[in-house]
């Protein structure tokens, strides 16, 4: 139940990012659902591999390179899907930052809700 709710809220967060930032466009709620799923899948499978491969750069940049990796995952999802577009890399960086903040808020809220239950 928690996973399904997180997926729905993440899709809504993606719609909010698209609404507040013009560099990210989402055509519909269905496209947002699919994009949230693909972003989650990329973050689960590809992101850990990229983190390991870029570990020296990440250490030298004091972890700031992780923002670039997040942006690449966001941008990769947009290149795989039709209803979700990111205009350029800077838009992917800003969009992924906004989406990550929304994801942290969603995760904290769900932890509180499901902890009480």
Protein backbone atom coordinates (compact mmCIF):
# COMPACT_ATOMS: atom_id res chain seq x y z
CA UNK A 1 0.00 0.00 0.00
CA UNK A 2 2.81 2.38 0.92
CA UNK A 3 4.61 1.74 -2.39
CA UNK A 4 1.48 2.41 -4.43
CA UNK A 5 0.77 5.61 -2.52
CA UNK A 6 4.37 6.76 -2.95
CA UNK A 7 4.14 6.12 -6.69
CA UNK A 8 0.91 8.15 -7.01
CA UNK A 9 2.32 11.00 -4.91
CA UNK A 10 5.56 10.97 -6.91
CA UNK A 11 3.55 11.31 -10.12
CA UNK A 12 1.72 14.26 -8.60
CA UNK A 13 5.07 15.75 -7.55
CA UNK A 14 6.28 15.40 -11.13
CA UNK A 15 3.19 17.25 -12.34
CA UNK A 16 3.91 19.97 -9.77
CA UNK A 17 7.50 20.29 -10.97
CA UNK A 18 6.24 20.64 -14.54
CA UNK A 19 3.71 23.24 -13.42
CA UNK A 20 6.21 25.39 -11.52
CA UNK A 21 9.23 24.96 -13.82
CA UNK A 22 8.91 25.48 -17.56
CA UNK A 23 11.95 23.34 -18.47
CA UNK A 24 9.99 20.19 -17.62
CA UNK A 25 6.78 19.23 -19.44
CA UNK A 26 4.39 16.41 -18.61
CA UNK A 27 1.41 15.87 -20.91
CA UNK A 28 -0.95 14.00 -18.59
CA UNK A 29 -1.30 12.24 -15.26
CA UNK A 30 -0.80 8.90 -17.02
CA UNK A 31 2.46 10.19 -18.49
CA UNK A 32 3.47 11.36 -15.01
CA UNK A 33 2.71 7.90 -13.58
CA UNK A 34 4.84 6.23 -16.23
CA UNK A 35 7.62 8.80 -15.82
CA UNK A 36 7.65 8.39 -12.03
CA UNK A 37 7.91 4.63 -12.51
CA UNK A 38 10.76 4.93 -15.02
CA UNK A 39 12.64 7.45 -12.86
CA UNK A 40 12.29 5.11 -9.89
CA UNK A 41 13.46 2.16 -11.99
CA UNK A 42 16.49 4.08 -13.28
CA UNK A 43 17.33 5.24 -9.77
CA UNK A 44 17.13 1.67 -8.51
CA UNK A 45 19.12 -0.04 -11.27
CA UNK A 46 21.36 2.43 -13.12
CA UNK A 47 22.12 5.08 -10.46
CA UNK A 48 24.10 2.77 -8.11
CA UNK A 49 26.27 1.63 -11.03
CA UNK A 50 26.96 5.25 -12.03
CA UNK A 51 27.77 6.18 -8.44
CA UNK A 52 30.37 3.40 -8.24
CA UNK A 53 31.87 4.26 -11.64
CA UNK A 54 32.13 7.97 -10.80
CA UNK A 55 33.25 7.55 -7.19
CA UNK A 56 36.58 9.39 -7.64
CA UNK A 57 34.84 12.41 -9.19
CA UNK A 58 32.19 12.32 -6.49
CA UNK A 59 34.82 12.29 -3.75
CA UNK A 60 36.82 15.12 -5.35
CA UNK A 61 33.65 17.21 -5.74
CA UNK A 62 32.66 16.46 -2.13
CA UNK A 63 29.50 14.71 -3.28
CA UNK A 64 28.26 17.46 -5.58
CA UNK A 65 28.61 15.18 -8.60
CA UNK A 66 25.63 13.21 -7.25
CA UNK A 67 23.45 16.12 -8.41
CA UNK A 68 24.75 15.53 -11.94
CA UNK A 69 23.94 11.81 -11.67
CA UNK A 70 20.40 12.63 -10.48
CA UNK A 71 19.99 15.03 -13.41
CA UNK A 72 21.22 12.35 -15.82
CA UNK A 73 18.62 9.89 -14.49
CA UNK A 74 15.90 12.54 -14.86
CA UNK A 75 17.07 13.38 -18.38
CA UNK A 76 17.37 9.70 -19.35
CA UNK A 77 13.77 9.11 -18.28
CA UNK A 78 12.63 12.00 -20.46
CA UNK A 79 14.51 10.62 -23.46
CA UNK A 80 12.83 7.22 -23.02
CA UNK A 81 9.26 8.56 -22.80
CA UNK A 82 7.01 10.55 -25.10
CA UNK A 83 4.75 12.35 -22.61
CA UNK A 84 7.61 13.60 -20.43
CA UNK A 85 10.08 16.14 -21.83
CA UNK A 86 13.04 17.98 -20.33
CA UNK A 87 14.33 20.77 -22.54
CA UNK A 88 18.05 20.68 -21.69
CA UNK A 89 20.54 19.50 -19.08
CA UNK A 90 20.13 22.55 -16.85
CA UNK A 91 16.39 21.93 -16.84
CA UNK A 92 17.11 18.32 -15.89
CA UNK A 93 19.31 19.52 -13.02
CA UNK A 94 16.71 21.95 -11.68
CA UNK A 95 13.84 19.52 -12.28
CA UNK A 96 15.64 16.68 -10.53
CA UNK A 97 16.41 18.92 -7.56
CA UNK A 98 12.77 19.95 -7.23
CA UNK A 99 11.60 16.35 -7.71
CA UNK A 100 14.08 15.10 -5.11
CA UNK A 101 12.92 17.64 -2.54
CA UNK A 102 9.32 16.65 -3.21
CA UNK A 103 10.32 12.99 -2.88
CA UNK A 104 11.92 13.63 0.52
CA UNK A 105 8.77 15.38 1.72
CA UNK A 106 6.62 12.50 0.43
CA UNK A 107 8.85 9.91 2.09
CA UNK A 108 8.78 11.76 5.44
CA UNK A 109 5.01 12.15 5.31
CA UNK A 110 4.47 8.49 4.45
CA UNK A 111 6.77 7.40 7.26
CA UNK A 112 4.66 9.40 9.73
CA UNK A 113 1.37 8.08 8.36
CA UNK A 114 2.42 4.43 8.24
CA UNK A 115 4.25 4.60 11.57
CA UNK A 116 1.00 5.50 13.36
CA UNK A 117 -0.97 2.77 11.64
